[in-house]
Amino acid sequence: MKKEDKKEEKRSFTTTITIENDRRLANYQANKPGGARTTDVVNQALERFLDANKQYADAKPSNDK
């Protein structure tokens, strides 16, 4: 299935980020040709992080709580 064909459910996400990351995000958005939406940047960052940690991200939650 092509990515553009896949319809994804969207969720609101609220959090705070460090001042340094906020500054770097603003710089990135200002310097990237064509700009960049914050949600796109955050989703790309999360995808890269979760792909790098697949053993945790793709495993079913354990009920050991």
Protein backbone atom coordinates (compact mmCIF):
# COMPACT_ATOMS: atom_id res chain seq x y z
CA MET A 1 0.00 0.00 0.00
CA LYS A 2 1.40 3.40 -0.96
CA LYS A 3 1.91 5.93 1.79
CA GLU A 4 -0.39 8.45 0.07
CA ASP A 5 -3.11 5.79 -0.19
CA LYS A 6 -2.96 5.01 3.52
CA LYS A 7 -5.33 7.11 5.59
CA GLU A 8 -3.98 7.55 9.10
CA GLU A 9 -5.94 8.41 12.19
CA LYS A 10 -4.69 11.64 13.72
CA ARG A 11 -4.45 12.43 17.41
CA SER A 12 -3.73 15.60 19.29
CA PHE A 13 -0.49 15.58 21.22
CA THR A 14 0.46 18.14 23.84
CA THR A 15 3.79 18.35 25.58
CA THR A 16 6.57 20.76 26.40
CA ILE A 17 10.01 20.79 24.87
CA THR A 18 13.28 22.17 26.12
CA ILE A 19 14.19 25.75 25.29
CA GLU A 20 17.16 24.51 23.26
CA ASN A 21 14.99 22.17 21.16
CA ASP A 22 12.45 24.96 20.65
CA ARG A 23 15.23 27.25 19.42
CA ARG A 24 16.61 24.58 17.09
CA LEU A 25 13.15 23.78 15.74
CA ALA A 26 12.53 27.46 14.96
CA ASN A 27 15.92 27.68 13.21
CA TYR A 28 15.20 24.53 11.21
CA GLN A 29 11.80 25.80 10.12
CA ALA A 30 13.25 29.19 9.15
CA ASN A 31 16.22 27.76 7.24
CA LYS A 32 14.64 24.77 5.47
CA PRO A 33 13.71 25.67 1.90
CA GLY A 34 9.92 25.72 1.75
CA GLY A 35 9.64 25.69 5.54
CA ALA A 36 8.42 22.83 7.69
CA ARG A 37 5.30 22.34 9.77
CA THR A 38 5.90 21.55 13.42
CA THR A 39 3.71 18.44 13.29
CA ASP A 40 5.66 17.10 10.30
CA VAL A 41 8.97 17.60 12.11
CA VAL A 42 7.69 15.97 15.31
CA ASN A 43 6.18 13.02 13.44
CA GLN A 44 9.42 12.45 11.50
CA ALA A 45 11.46 12.62 14.70
CA LEU A 46 9.14 10.18 16.49
CA GLU A 47 9.19 7.80 13.54
CA ARG A 48 13.02 7.79 13.48
CA PHE A 49 13.20 7.31 17.24
CA LEU A 50 10.65 4.49 17.25
CA ASP A 51 12.26 2.80 14.24
CA ALA A 52 15.58 2.84 16.11
CA ASN A 53 13.87 1.24 19.13
CA LYS A 54 11.65 -1.31 17.38
CA GLN A 55 12.19 -3.97 20.02
CA TYR A 56 10.17 -1.80 22.41
CA ALA A 57 7.99 0.18 20.02
CA ASP A 58 6.62 -2.78 18.10
CA ALA A 59 6.27 -5.23 20.99
CA LYS A 60 2.91 -5.74 22.62
CA PRO A 61 2.67 -4.07 26.04
CA SER A 62 3.41 -6.39 28.91
CA ASN A 63 0.97 -6.63 31.79
CA ASP A 64 3.70 -6.65 34.45
CA LYS A 65 2.62 -3.40 36.06
